[in-house]
Amino acid sequence: MNDNVILIGMPGAGKSTIGIVLAKVLGYDFIDSDLLIQKQEKKLLWQIMQEQGIQRFNEIEEQVNSTIQSHHTVIATGGSAVYSPKSMAHLSEIGTIVYLRTSYEVLKNRLGDLNKRGVVLRPGQTLEDLYQERVPLYEQYARITVPNDDFNISRTVAQIVSDLQIR
């Protein structure tokens, strides 16, 4: 069933915040896949990465995202979900993927300690490197793209609702 809305985008793009409000507006449930990972592993994202490494974190993330079964749900994914073709194929099957597009400059100002946010950075990789690497993946998987630089929640939610009704 393709009745979910899946939010993708960089850390700090507003996926969780927008997702909760969007779910209320649509009358849907809300799932944050990062919280599912934390619940399953009984650890915070940054602790999983620190203790088990990025590769293992990506495996856990793929397992969680590729097995989500829900209906009428807004799903906020972690920013690194797009690294898993298996997860993205599953999410595409169960819903409409919406990319919250945010510019690098805005993200740089929004984000605090990347490690504590559970941002997957390889050794020596900068936020800008990560941004350049991920944007093509977000664009590849998105069925709807909504700009979110101004982080006006009501305007962003209204745009998503409008775009969903056109489809």
C-alpha atoms as a PDB file:
ATOM      1  CA  MET A   1       0.000   0.000   0.000  1.00  0.00           C
ATOM      2  CA  ASN A   2       1.416   3.357  -1.032  1.00  0.00           C
ATOM      3  CA  ASP A   3      -0.300   5.602   1.507  1.00  0.00           C
ATOM      4  CA  ASN A   4       2.612   6.885   3.604  1.00  0.00           C
ATOM      5  CA  VAL A   5       4.690  10.052   3.290  1.00  0.00           C
ATOM      6  CA  ILE A   6       8.434   9.555   3.684  1.00  0.00           C
ATOM      7  CA  LEU A   7      10.609  12.584   4.445  1.00  0.00           C
ATOM      8  CA  ILE A   8      14.255  12.595   3.364  1.00  0.00           C
ATOM      9  CA  GLY A   9      16.934  15.252   3.562  1.00  0.00           C
ATOM     10  CA  MET A  10      20.055  16.355   5.328  1.00  0.00           C
ATOM     11  CA  PRO A  11      20.337  16.429   9.116  1.00  0.00           C
ATOM     12  CA  GLY A  12      18.850  19.735  10.205  1.00  0.00           C
ATOM     13  CA  ALA A  13      16.465  19.927   7.228  1.00  0.00           C
ATOM     14  CA  GLY A  14      13.498  19.630   9.586  1.00  0.00           C
ATOM     15  CA  LYS A  15      12.309  16.094   8.829  1.00  0.00           C
ATOM     16  CA  SER A  16      11.205  15.272  12.380  1.00  0.00           C
ATOM     17  CA  THR A  17       9.682  18.676  13.142  1.00  0.00           C
ATOM     18  CA  ILE A  18       7.887  18.973   9.792  1.00  0.00           C
ATOM     19  CA  GLY A  19       6.895  15.307  10.015  1.00  0.00           C
ATOM     20  CA  ILE A  20       5.039  15.693  13.307  1.00  0.00           C
ATOM     21  CA  VAL A  21       3.073  18.720  12.074  1.00  0.00           C
ATOM     22  CA  LEU A  22       2.389  17.091   8.684  1.00  0.00           C
ATOM     23  CA  ALA A  23       1.073  13.968  10.432  1.00  0.00           C
ATOM     24  CA  LYS A  24      -1.321  16.093  12.493  1.00  0.00           C
ATOM     25  CA  VAL A  25      -2.563  17.952   9.402  1.00  0.00           C
ATOM     26  CA  LEU A  26      -3.085  14.720   7.431  1.00  0.00           C
ATOM     27  CA  GLY A  27      -4.494  12.777  10.400  1.00  0.00           C
ATOM     28  CA  TYR A  28      -1.638  10.270  10.029  1.00  0.00           C
ATOM     29  CA  ASP A  29       0.621   8.522  12.521  1.00  0.00           C
ATOM     30  CA  PHE A  30       4.257   9.599  12.794  1.00  0.00           C
ATOM     31  CA  ILE A  31       7.416   7.487  12.855  1.00  0.00           C
ATOM     32  CA  ASP A  32      10.976   8.768  13.240  1.00  0.00           C
ATOM     33  CA  SER A  33      13.200   5.962  11.962  1.00  0.00           C
ATOM     34  CA  ASP A  34      16.148   7.245  14.024  1.00  0.00           C
ATOM     35  CA  LEU A  35      14.039   6.696  17.145  1.00  0.00           C
ATOM     36  CA  LEU A  36      13.186   3.166  15.963  1.00  0.00           C
ATOM     37  CA  ILE A  37      16.926   2.472  15.668  1.00  0.00           C
ATOM     38  CA  GLN A  38      17.595   3.871  19.142  1.00  0.00           C
ATOM     39  CA  LYS A  39      14.751   1.822  20.631  1.00  0.00           C
ATOM     40  CA  GLN A  40      15.922  -1.388  18.946  1.00  0.00           C
ATOM     41  CA  GLU A  41      19.576  -0.901  19.924  1.00  0.00           C
ATOM     42  CA  LYS A  42      18.842   0.706  23.328  1.00  0.00           C
ATOM     43  CA  LYS A  43      21.486   3.358  22.539  1.00  0.00           C
ATOM     44  CA  LEU A  44      21.648   6.846  21.057  1.00  0.00           C
ATOM     45  CA  LEU A  45      22.702   7.087  17.404  1.00  0.00           C
ATOM     46  CA  TRP A  46      26.097   8.582  18.185  1.00  0.00           C
ATOM     47  CA  GLN A  47      26.763   5.817  20.727  1.00  0.00           C
ATOM     48  CA  ILE A  48      25.990   3.144  18.120  1.00  0.00           C
ATOM     49  CA  MET A  49      28.376   4.801  15.652  1.00  0.00           C
ATOM     50  CA  GLN A  50      31.077   5.263  18.257  1.00  0.00           C
ATOM     51  CA  GLU A  51      30.852   1.731  19.630  1.00  0.00           C
ATOM     52  CA  GLN A  52      30.049  -0.260  16.483  1.00  0.00           C
ATOM     53  CA  GLY A  53      31.287   1.939  13.629  1.00  0.00           C
ATOM     54  CA  ILE A  54      29.615   3.616  10.696  1.00  0.00           C
ATOM     55  CA  GLN A  55      29.350   0.465   8.579  1.00  0.00           C
ATOM     56  CA  ARG A  56      27.471  -1.410  11.310  1.00  0.00           C
ATOM     57  CA  PHE A  57      25.258   1.631  11.924  1.00  0.00           C
ATOM     58  CA  ASN A  58      24.372   1.695   8.212  1.00  0.00           C
ATOM     59  CA  GLU A  59      23.486  -2.017   8.366  1.00  0.00           C
ATOM     60  CA  ILE A  60      21.206  -1.441  11.363  1.00  0.00           C
ATOM     61  CA  GLU A  61      19.622   1.569   9.663  1.00  0.00           C
ATOM     62  CA  GLU A  62      18.983  -0.471   6.503  1.00  0.00           C
ATOM     63  CA  GLN A  63      17.416  -3.307   8.494  1.00  0.00           C
ATOM     64  CA  VAL A  64      15.086  -0.899  10.302  1.00  0.00           C
ATOM     65  CA  ASN A  65      14.108   1.207   7.271  1.00  0.00           C
ATOM     66  CA  SER A  66      13.587  -1.749   4.943  1.00  0.00           C
ATOM     67  CA  THR A  67      11.159  -3.431   7.338  1.00  0.00           C
ATOM     68  CA  ILE A  68       8.884  -0.534   8.312  1.00  0.00           C
ATOM     69  CA  GLN A  69       5.288  -1.641   7.814  1.00  0.00           C
ATOM     70  CA  SER A  70       2.759   1.132   8.262  1.00  0.00           C
ATOM     71  CA  HIS A  71      -0.257   2.789   6.699  1.00  0.00           C
ATOM     72  CA  HIS A  72      -1.292   6.446   6.780  1.00  0.00           C
ATOM     73  CA  THR A  73       1.988   7.379   8.436  1.00  0.00           C
ATOM     74  CA  VAL A  74       4.508  10.171   7.996  1.00  0.00           C
ATOM     75  CA  ILE A  75       7.978   8.633   8.262  1.00  0.00           C
ATOM     76  CA  ALA A  76      10.991  10.845   8.992  1.00  0.00           C
ATOM     77  CA  THR A  77      14.157   9.018   7.988  1.00  0.00           C
ATOM     78  CA  GLY A  78      17.708   9.605   9.081  1.00  0.00           C
ATOM     79  CA  GLY A  79      19.744  11.666   6.636  1.00  0.00           C
ATOM     80  CA  SER A  80      21.832   8.635   5.683  1.00  0.00           C
ATOM     81  CA  ALA A  81      18.851   6.435   4.702  1.00  0.00           C
ATOM     82  CA  VAL A  82      19.527   7.237   1.039  1.00  0.00           C
ATOM     83  CA  TYR A  83      22.754   5.225   1.157  1.00  0.00           C
ATOM     84  CA  SER A  84      20.687   2.018   1.132  1.00  0.00           C
ATOM     85  CA  PRO A  85      19.055   1.161  -2.201  1.00  0.00           C
ATOM     86  CA  LYS A  86      17.189  -1.651  -0.405  1.00  0.00           C
ATOM     87  CA  SER A  87      15.675   0.758   2.130  1.00  0.00           C
ATOM     88  CA  MET A  88      14.812   3.350  -0.481  1.00  0.00           C
ATOM     89  CA  ALA A  89      13.155   0.752  -2.730  1.00  0.00           C
ATOM     90  CA  HIS A  90      11.022  -0.403   0.210  1.00  0.00           C
ATOM     91  CA  LEU A  91      10.141   3.149   1.261  1.00  0.00           C
ATOM     92  CA  SER A  92       9.248   4.024  -2.355  1.00  0.00           C
ATOM     93  CA  GLU A  93       6.879   1.048  -2.424  1.00  0.00           C
ATOM     94  CA  ILE A  94       5.053   2.027   0.761  1.00  0.00           C
ATOM     95  CA  GLY A  95       4.795   5.776   0.240  1.00  0.00           C
ATOM     96  CA  THR A  96       5.618   9.024  -1.491  1.00  0.00           C
ATOM     97  CA  ILE A  97       9.144  10.269  -0.868  1.00  0.00           C
ATOM     98  CA  VAL A  98       9.423  13.985  -0.122  1.00  0.00           C
ATOM     99  CA  TYR A  99      12.841  15.666  -0.120  1.00  0.00           C
ATOM    100  CA  LEU A 100      13.150  18.646   2.216  1.00  0.00           C
ATOM    101  CA  ARG A 101      15.747  20.612   0.273  1.00  0.00           C
ATOM    102  CA  THR A 102      17.914  22.854   2.407  1.00  0.00           C
ATOM    103  CA  SER A 103      20.966  24.786   1.239  1.00  0.00           C
ATOM    104  CA  TYR A 104      24.415  24.039   2.632  1.00  0.00           C
ATOM    105  CA  GLU A 105      24.751  27.533   4.129  1.00  0.00           C
ATOM    106  CA  VAL A 106      21.483  27.211   6.043  1.00  0.00           C
ATOM    107  CA  LEU A 107      22.356  23.710   7.298  1.00  0.00           C
ATOM    108  CA  LYS A 108      25.787  24.833   8.455  1.00  0.00           C
ATOM    109  CA  ASN A 109      24.121  27.491  10.619  1.00  0.00           C
ATOM    110  CA  ARG A 110      21.377  25.155  11.942  1.00  0.00           C
ATOM    111  CA  LEU A 111      23.522  22.216  13.003  1.00  0.00           C
ATOM    112  CA  GLY A 112      25.369  22.004  16.285  1.00  0.00           C
ATOM    113  CA  ASP A 113      27.689  19.150  17.274  1.00  0.00           C
ATOM    114  CA  LEU A 114      27.431  16.729  14.360  1.00  0.00           C
ATOM    115  CA  ASN A 115      28.640  13.756  16.405  1.00  0.00           C
ATOM    116  CA  LYS A 116      25.961  14.223  19.061  1.00  0.00           C
ATOM    117  CA  ARG A 117      23.311  14.498  16.320  1.00  0.00           C
ATOM    118  CA  GLY A 118      24.306  11.073  15.017  1.00  0.00           C
ATOM    119  CA  VAL A 119      25.514  12.419  11.677  1.00  0.00           C
ATOM    120  CA  VAL A 120      27.421   9.788   9.707  1.00  0.00           C
ATOM    121  CA  LEU A 121      30.757  11.402   8.796  1.00  0.00           C
ATOM    122  CA  ARG A 122      33.730   9.361   7.633  1.00  0.00           C
ATOM    123  CA  PRO A 123      37.162  10.333   9.011  1.00  0.00           C
ATOM    124  CA  GLY A 124      38.276  13.588   7.367  1.00  0.00           C
ATOM    125  CA  GLN A 125      34.869  14.204   5.771  1.00  0.00           C
ATOM    126  CA  THR A 126      33.369  17.673   6.216  1.00  0.00           C
ATOM    127  CA  LEU A 127      29.717  18.660   6.335  1.00  0.00           C
ATOM    128  CA  GLU A 128      30.138  20.223   2.893  1.00  0.00           C
ATOM    129  CA  ASP A 129      31.591  16.949   1.535  1.00  0.00           C
ATOM    130  CA  LEU A 130      28.633  15.096   2.992  1.00  0.00           C
ATOM    131  CA  TYR A 131      26.190  17.600   1.493  1.00  0.00           C
ATOM    132  CA  GLN A 132      27.732  17.260  -1.990  1.00  0.00           C
ATOM    133  CA  GLU A 133      27.618  13.466  -1.698  1.00  0.00           C
ATOM    134  CA  ARG A 134      24.023  13.185  -0.509  1.00  0.00           C
ATOM    135  CA  VAL A 135      22.140  15.819  -2.515  1.00  0.00           C
ATOM    136  CA  PRO A 136      22.218  13.774  -5.766  1.00  0.00           C
ATOM    137  CA  LEU A 137      20.832  10.788  -3.837  1.00  0.00           C
ATOM    138  CA  TYR A 138      18.008  12.841  -2.320  1.00  0.00           C
ATOM    139  CA  GLU A 139      17.180  14.192  -5.777  1.00  0.00           C
ATOM    140  CA  GLN A 140      17.275  10.685  -7.260  1.00  0.00           C
ATOM    141  CA  TYR A 141      14.786   9.207  -4.804  1.00  0.00           C
ATOM    142  CA  ALA A 142      12.420  12.176  -4.330  1.00  0.00           C
ATOM    143  CA  ARG A 143       8.988  12.203  -5.935  1.00  0.00           C
ATOM    144  CA  ILE A 144       8.351  15.634  -4.439  1.00  0.00           C
ATOM    145  CA  THR A 145      10.958  18.272  -3.558  1.00  0.00           C
ATOM    146  CA  VAL A 146      10.080  21.082  -1.169  1.00  0.00           C
ATOM    147  CA  PRO A 147      12.500  23.922  -0.393  1.00  0.00           C
ATOM    148  CA  ASN A 148      12.914  24.432   3.341  1.00  0.00           C
ATOM    149  CA  ASP A 149      15.588  27.091   3.823  1.00  0.00           C
ATOM    150  CA  ASP A 150      13.272  29.484   5.665  1.00  0.00           C
ATOM    151  CA  PHE A 151      12.039  26.685   7.974  1.00  0.00           C
ATOM    152  CA  ASN A 152       8.543  28.120   7.942  1.00  0.00           C
ATOM    153  CA  ILE A 153       6.772  25.027   9.215  1.00  0.00           C
ATOM    154  CA  SER A 154       3.241  25.945   8.172  1.00  0.00           C
ATOM    155  CA  ARG A 155       4.335  26.982   4.654  1.00  0.00           C
ATOM    156  CA  THR A 156       6.415  23.815   4.186  1.00  0.00           C
ATOM    157  CA  VAL A 157       3.600  21.564   5.424  1.00  0.00           C
ATOM    158  CA  ALA A 158       1.067  23.374   3.190  1.00  0.00           C
ATOM    159  CA  GLN A 159       3.371  22.905   0.180  1.00  0.00           C
ATOM    160  CA  ILE A 160       3.747  19.174   0.882  1.00  0.00           C
ATOM    161  CA  VAL A 161      -0.014  18.736   1.315  1.00  0.00           C
ATOM    162  CA  SER A 162      -0.627  20.611  -1.941  1.00  0.00           C
ATOM    163  CA  ASP A 163       1.967  18.549  -3.836  1.00  0.00           C
ATOM    164  CA  LEU A 164       0.561  15.281  -2.455  1.00  0.00           C
ATOM    165  CA  GLN A 165      -2.952  16.194  -3.683  1.00  0.00           C
ATOM    166  CA  ILE A 166      -1.663  16.775  -7.209  1.00  0.00           C
ATOM    167  CA  ARG A 167      -0.245  13.219  -7.363  1.00  0.00           C
END
